[in-house]
Amino acid sequence: MSRFDYTGLLNSATALITKFGGTYNFQRQKDVNYDPDTGKPISRTISYTRNAVRSEFTRAEQTSELVLQGDIKLLAQAAEYNVGDTVTVDCVIYRIMNISTIQGNDTKLALYLHLRQ
């Protein structure tokens, strides 16, 4: 039994997001150590850039309790994102609240990122 090769779809999705979207700057806080004097973790900021297209929530999504006024949605290239990462969109910092993956078998093709200020 042969499985479908999603490499072509991944390449097409990445090319379209790159062509019609923009480059966004993301940041992630990562705990790298623990300070016993303060009792708090020592963290560092990891910055990364990814391509994405600003998207609109569907009516069903807008009427759900999960989407608040001012929330935005990005269709982002396949990569590793974490809930809690931040991204700058139009000079405003948003936090990733939810991630929905568009995928075929085990291949991530793109992701929808639900963002909130």
N, C-alpha and C. Protein backbone atom coordinates (compact mmCIF):
# COMPACT_ATOMS: atom_id res chain seq x y z
N MET A 1 0.85 -1.18 0.00
CA MET A 1 0.00 0.00 0.00
C MET A 1 0.89 1.24 0.00
N SER A 2 0.74 2.09 -1.00
CA SER A 2 1.56 3.31 -1.07
C SER A 2 0.81 4.47 -0.42
N ARG A 3 1.58 5.31 0.22
CA ARG A 3 1.02 6.50 0.84
C ARG A 3 1.29 7.68 -0.07
N PHE A 4 0.39 8.64 -0.04
CA PHE A 4 0.54 9.83 -0.86
C PHE A 4 1.73 10.65 -0.36
N ASP A 5 2.51 11.17 -1.28
CA ASP A 5 3.65 12.02 -0.93
C ASP A 5 3.18 13.48 -0.91
N TYR A 6 3.16 14.08 0.27
CA TYR A 6 2.66 15.44 0.47
C TYR A 6 3.72 16.51 0.24
N THR A 7 4.89 16.14 -0.21
CA THR A 7 5.97 17.12 -0.40
C THR A 7 5.57 18.21 -1.40
N GLY A 8 4.93 17.85 -2.48
CA GLY A 8 4.49 18.83 -3.47
C GLY A 8 3.48 19.81 -2.91
N LEU A 9 2.53 19.30 -2.12
CA LEU A 9 1.55 20.18 -1.49
C LEU A 9 2.20 21.10 -0.47
N LEU A 10 3.15 20.58 0.29
CA LEU A 10 3.88 21.40 1.26
C LEU A 10 4.63 22.51 0.55
N ASN A 11 5.31 22.18 -0.53
CA ASN A 11 6.05 23.20 -1.29
C ASN A 11 5.11 24.25 -1.88
N SER A 12 3.95 23.81 -2.39
CA SER A 12 2.98 24.75 -2.95
C SER A 12 2.41 25.67 -1.87
N ALA A 13 2.06 25.10 -0.72
CA ALA A 13 1.52 25.90 0.37
C ALA A 13 2.54 26.93 0.83
N THR A 14 3.78 26.51 0.99
CA THR A 14 4.84 27.43 1.42
C THR A 14 5.04 28.54 0.40
N ALA A 15 5.05 28.19 -0.89
CA ALA A 15 5.24 29.19 -1.94
C ALA A 15 4.09 30.19 -1.97
N LEU A 16 2.87 29.73 -1.83
CA LEU A 16 1.72 30.64 -1.85
C LEU A 16 1.70 31.55 -0.63
N ILE A 17 2.00 31.01 0.54
CA ILE A 17 2.04 31.83 1.75
C ILE A 17 3.14 32.88 1.63
N THR A 18 4.27 32.49 1.07
CA THR A 18 5.38 33.43 0.89
C THR A 18 5.01 34.52 -0.12
N LYS A 19 4.35 34.11 -1.21
CA LYS A 19 4.00 35.07 -2.27
C LYS A 19 2.93 36.07 -1.83
N PHE A 20 1.91 35.60 -1.14
CA PHE A 20 0.77 36.46 -0.81
C PHE A 20 0.79 36.98 0.63
N GLY A 21 1.73 36.53 1.41
CA GLY A 21 1.79 36.94 2.80
C GLY A 21 2.95 37.88 3.06
N GLY A 22 3.35 37.90 4.29
CA GLY A 22 4.47 38.72 4.72
C GLY A 22 5.31 37.95 5.72
N THR A 23 6.42 38.56 6.09
CA THR A 23 7.30 37.97 7.08
C THR A 23 6.97 38.55 8.45
N TYR A 24 6.78 37.68 9.41
CA TYR A 24 6.40 38.09 10.76
C TYR A 24 7.48 37.66 11.74
N ASN A 25 7.69 38.50 12.75
CA ASN A 25 8.68 38.23 13.79
C ASN A 25 8.00 37.64 15.01
N PHE A 26 8.42 36.45 15.39
CA PHE A 26 7.88 35.73 16.54
C PHE A 26 8.93 35.72 17.65
N GLN A 27 8.45 35.59 18.88
CA GLN A 27 9.35 35.45 20.02
C GLN A 27 8.80 34.39 20.96
N ARG A 28 9.73 33.66 21.57
CA ARG A 28 9.38 32.60 22.53
C ARG A 28 10.26 32.76 23.75
N GLN A 29 9.65 32.67 24.93
CA GLN A 29 10.40 32.67 26.18
C GLN A 29 10.74 31.23 26.53
N LYS A 30 12.00 30.98 26.79
CA LYS A 30 12.42 29.63 27.13
C LYS A 30 13.18 29.66 28.44
N ASP A 31 12.72 28.85 29.40
CA ASP A 31 13.42 28.73 30.67
C ASP A 31 14.69 27.92 30.45
N VAL A 32 15.83 28.52 30.79
CA VAL A 32 17.10 27.85 30.56
C VAL A 32 17.79 27.43 31.85
N ASN A 33 17.34 27.97 32.98
CA ASN A 33 17.99 27.65 34.23
C ASN A 33 17.07 28.08 35.37
N TYR A 34 17.52 27.85 36.58
CA TYR A 34 16.74 28.19 37.77
C TYR A 34 17.64 28.96 38.72
N ASP A 35 17.13 30.09 39.23
CA ASP A 35 17.90 30.91 40.17
C ASP A 35 17.43 30.59 41.59
N PRO A 36 18.23 29.86 42.37
CA PRO A 36 17.80 29.50 43.72
C PRO A 36 17.68 30.70 44.66
N ASP A 37 18.38 31.78 44.37
CA ASP A 37 18.30 32.97 45.23
C ASP A 37 16.93 33.65 45.13
N THR A 38 16.40 33.72 43.92
CA THR A 38 15.10 34.38 43.72
C THR A 38 13.95 33.38 43.69
N GLY A 39 14.26 32.11 43.45
CA GLY A 39 13.21 31.09 43.35
C GLY A 39 12.46 31.15 42.04
N LYS A 40 13.04 31.84 41.06
CA LYS A 40 12.39 31.99 39.77
C LYS A 40 13.26 31.42 38.66
N PRO A 41 12.61 31.02 37.56
CA PRO A 41 13.40 30.52 36.43
C PRO A 41 14.11 31.67 35.72
N ILE A 42 15.24 31.36 35.14
CA ILE A 42 15.97 32.30 34.30
C ILE A 42 15.59 31.94 32.87
N SER A 43 15.08 32.91 32.14
CA SER A 43 14.63 32.61 30.79
C SER A 43 15.36 33.50 29.79
N ARG A 44 15.31 33.06 28.56
CA ARG A 44 15.86 33.86 27.48
C ARG A 44 14.83 33.91 26.36
N THR A 45 14.94 34.92 25.55
CA THR A 45 14.01 35.10 24.44
C THR A 45 14.62 34.56 23.16
N ILE A 46 13.86 33.71 22.50
CA ILE A 46 14.27 33.16 21.21
C ILE A 46 13.42 33.85 20.15
N SER A 47 14.06 34.47 19.17
CA SER A 47 13.34 35.14 18.09
C SER A 47 13.43 34.32 16.81
N TYR A 48 12.34 34.31 16.06
CA TYR A 48 12.35 33.62 14.76
C TYR A 48 11.37 34.31 13.83
N THR A 49 11.60 34.21 12.54
CA THR A 49 10.72 34.81 11.55
C THR A 49 10.09 33.71 10.71
N ARG A 50 8.84 33.91 10.36
CA ARG A 50 8.11 32.98 9.51
C ARG A 50 7.20 33.79 8.59
N ASN A 51 6.83 33.18 7.48
CA ASN A 51 5.89 33.79 6.55
C ASN A 51 4.47 33.38 6.91
N ALA A 52 3.55 34.32 6.74
CA ALA A 52 2.15 34.06 7.06
C ALA A 52 1.26 35.04 6.29
N VAL A 53 0.00 34.66 6.17
CA VAL A 53 -1.02 35.49 5.52
C VAL A 53 -2.09 35.77 6.56
N ARG A 54 -2.44 37.04 6.70
CA ARG A 54 -3.52 37.40 7.63
C ARG A 54 -4.82 36.86 7.07
N SER A 55 -5.61 36.26 7.90
CA SER A 55 -6.83 35.59 7.49
C SER A 55 -7.99 36.08 8.33
N GLU A 56 -9.19 35.72 7.96
CA GLU A 56 -10.38 36.13 8.70
C GLU A 56 -11.00 34.91 9.37
N PHE A 57 -11.60 35.13 10.53
CA PHE A 57 -12.35 34.07 11.19
C PHE A 57 -13.67 33.86 10.46
N THR A 58 -14.14 32.62 10.39
CA THR A 58 -15.44 32.34 9.81
C THR A 58 -16.53 32.86 10.74
N ARG A 59 -17.75 32.96 10.24
CA ARG A 59 -18.86 33.42 11.09
C ARG A 59 -19.05 32.49 12.29
N ALA A 60 -18.93 31.20 12.05
CA ALA A 60 -19.09 30.24 13.15
C ALA A 60 -18.01 30.47 14.21
N GLU A 61 -16.79 30.73 13.78
CA GLU A 61 -15.71 31.00 14.73
C GLU A 61 -15.96 32.30 15.48
N GLN A 62 -16.45 33.33 14.77
CA GLN A 62 -16.70 34.62 15.39
C GLN A 62 -17.79 34.55 16.45
N THR A 63 -18.77 33.69 16.26
CA THR A 63 -19.87 33.60 17.23
C THR A 63 -19.55 32.65 18.38
N SER A 64 -18.44 31.94 18.28
CA SER A 64 -18.07 31.05 19.38
C SER A 64 -17.52 31.87 20.55
N GLU A 65 -17.45 31.25 21.70
CA GLU A 65 -16.93 31.93 22.88
C GLU A 65 -15.41 32.01 22.87
N LEU A 66 -14.77 31.33 21.92
CA LEU A 66 -13.31 31.29 21.89
C LEU A 66 -12.68 32.50 21.21
N VAL A 67 -13.44 33.17 20.34
CA VAL A 67 -12.92 34.31 19.59
C VAL A 67 -13.50 35.59 20.17
N LEU A 68 -12.60 36.49 20.58
CA LEU A 68 -13.01 37.77 21.12
C LEU A 68 -12.79 38.86 20.08
N GLN A 69 -13.49 39.98 20.25
CA GLN A 69 -13.30 41.10 19.35
C GLN A 69 -11.84 41.54 19.44
N GLY A 70 -11.22 41.76 18.30
CA GLY A 70 -9.82 42.15 18.25
C GLY A 70 -8.87 40.99 17.99
N ASP A 71 -9.36 39.76 18.12
CA ASP A 71 -8.53 38.61 17.80
C ASP A 71 -8.29 38.57 16.29
N ILE A 72 -7.14 38.07 15.90
CA ILE A 72 -6.84 37.91 14.48
C ILE A 72 -6.34 36.50 14.23
N LYS A 73 -6.27 36.15 12.96
CA LYS A 73 -5.90 34.80 12.55
C LYS A 73 -4.84 34.90 11.46
N LEU A 74 -3.81 34.08 11.57
CA LEU A 74 -2.77 34.00 10.55
C LEU A 74 -2.74 32.59 9.99
N LEU A 75 -2.62 32.49 8.67
CA LEU A 75 -2.32 31.23 8.01
C LEU A 75 -0.81 31.22 7.84
N ALA A 76 -0.12 30.38 8.60
CA ALA A 76 1.34 30.42 8.66
C ALA A 76 1.96 29.20 8.01
N GLN A 77 3.18 29.41 7.51
CA GLN A 77 3.92 28.31 6.92
C GLN A 77 4.17 27.22 7.95
N ALA A 78 4.34 26.01 7.48
CA ALA A 78 4.58 24.88 8.37
C ALA A 78 5.90 25.09 9.12
N ALA A 79 5.81 25.08 10.44
CA ALA A 79 6.97 25.25 11.31
C ALA A 79 6.51 24.92 12.72
N GLU A 80 7.41 25.05 13.67
CA GLU A 80 7.09 24.79 15.07
C GLU A 80 6.67 26.09 15.74
N TYR A 81 5.43 26.14 16.22
CA TYR A 81 4.90 27.28 16.96
C TYR A 81 4.39 26.75 18.29
N ASN A 82 4.39 27.59 19.30
CA ASN A 82 3.88 27.20 20.62
C ASN A 82 2.83 28.19 21.08
N VAL A 83 1.80 27.69 21.74
CA VAL A 83 0.85 28.58 22.41
C VAL A 83 1.65 29.39 23.41
N GLY A 84 1.45 30.70 23.41
CA GLY A 84 2.20 31.59 24.29
C GLY A 84 3.29 32.36 23.58
N ASP A 85 3.73 31.88 22.40
CA ASP A 85 4.68 32.66 21.61
C ASP A 85 4.00 33.97 21.24
N THR A 86 4.79 35.01 21.02
CA THR A 86 4.23 36.29 20.60
C THR A 86 4.68 36.60 19.18
N VAL A 87 3.88 37.42 18.50
CA VAL A 87 4.18 37.83 17.13
C VAL A 87 3.74 39.29 16.97
N THR A 88 4.51 40.03 16.20
CA THR A 88 4.18 41.42 15.93
C THR A 88 3.45 41.52 14.60
N VAL A 89 2.22 42.06 14.64
CA VAL A 89 1.40 42.25 13.44
C VAL A 89 1.00 43.71 13.41
N ASP A 90 1.38 44.43 12.36
CA ASP A 90 1.06 45.85 12.22
C ASP A 90 1.46 46.64 13.47
N CYS A 91 2.66 46.39 13.96
CA CYS A 91 3.25 47.08 15.11
C CYS A 91 2.54 46.78 16.44
N VAL A 92 1.71 45.76 16.48
CA VAL A 92 1.02 45.36 17.70
C VAL A 92 1.48 43.94 18.05
N ILE A 93 1.73 43.71 19.34
CA ILE A 93 2.18 42.39 19.78
C ILE A 93 0.98 41.54 20.15
N TYR A 94 0.89 40.37 19.54
CA TYR A 94 -0.17 39.41 19.81
C TYR A 94 0.44 38.14 20.38
N ARG A 95 -0.37 37.42 21.14
CA ARG A 95 0.03 36.14 21.72
C ARG A 95 -0.72 35.02 21.01
N ILE A 96 -0.05 33.91 20.72
CA ILE A 96 -0.71 32.76 20.10
C ILE A 96 -1.58 32.09 21.16
N MET A 97 -2.88 32.03 20.88
CA MET A 97 -3.84 31.44 21.80
C MET A 97 -4.17 29.99 21.43
N ASN A 98 -4.17 29.71 20.14
CA ASN A 98 -4.55 28.38 19.67
C ASN A 98 -3.87 28.12 18.32
N ILE A 99 -3.58 26.86 18.07
CA ILE A 99 -2.94 26.47 16.82
C ILE A 99 -3.74 25.34 16.20
N SER A 100 -4.13 25.51 14.92
CA SER A 100 -4.82 24.47 14.17
C SER A 100 -3.94 24.06 13.00
N THR A 101 -3.69 22.78 12.91
CA THR A 101 -2.78 22.28 11.88
C THR A 101 -3.54 21.78 10.66
N ILE A 102 -3.07 22.17 9.49
CA ILE A 102 -3.56 21.61 8.23
C ILE A 102 -2.51 20.58 7.84
N GLN A 103 -2.91 19.33 7.79
CA GLN A 103 -1.90 18.30 7.61
C GLN A 103 -2.44 17.13 6.82
N GLY A 104 -1.53 16.46 6.14
CA GLY A 104 -1.83 15.22 5.44
C GLY A 104 -0.93 14.15 6.00
N ASN A 105 -1.51 13.07 6.46
CA ASN A 105 -0.76 12.03 7.18
C ASN A 105 0.07 12.68 8.28
N ASP A 106 1.37 12.55 8.24
CA ASP A 106 2.23 13.14 9.27
C ASP A 106 2.89 14.43 8.81
N THR A 107 2.53 14.94 7.63
CA THR A 107 3.16 16.12 7.06
C THR A 107 2.33 17.37 7.36
N LYS A 108 2.91 18.31 8.12
CA LYS A 108 2.25 19.60 8.34
C LYS A 108 2.39 20.42 7.08
N LEU A 109 1.26 20.91 6.56
CA LEU A 109 1.28 21.71 5.34
C LEU A 109 1.25 23.20 5.66
N ALA A 110 0.48 23.59 6.66
CA ALA A 110 0.36 24.98 7.11
C ALA A 110 -0.37 24.96 8.44
N LEU A 111 -0.41 26.10 9.10
CA LEU A 111 -1.08 26.17 10.40
C LEU A 111 -1.88 27.46 10.50
N TYR A 112 -3.02 27.38 11.16
CA TYR A 112 -3.77 28.59 11.51
C TYR A 112 -3.39 28.95 12.93
N LEU A 113 -3.01 30.21 13.13
CA LEU A 113 -2.66 30.71 14.44
C LEU A 113 -3.71 31.71 14.90
N HIS A 114 -4.34 31.42 16.02
CA HIS A 114 -5.33 32.33 16.62
C HIS A 114 -4.56 33.26 17.54
N LEU A 115 -4.63 34.56 17.27
CA LEU A 115 -3.84 35.56 18.00
C LEU A 115 -4.72 36.51 18.79
N ARG A 116 -4.20 36.93 19.96
CA ARG A 116 -4.91 37.88 20.81
C ARG A 116 -3.92 38.84 21.43
N GLN A 117 -4.33 40.11 21.56
CA GLN A 117 -3.47 41.12 22.20
C GLN A 117 -3.31 40.84 23.67
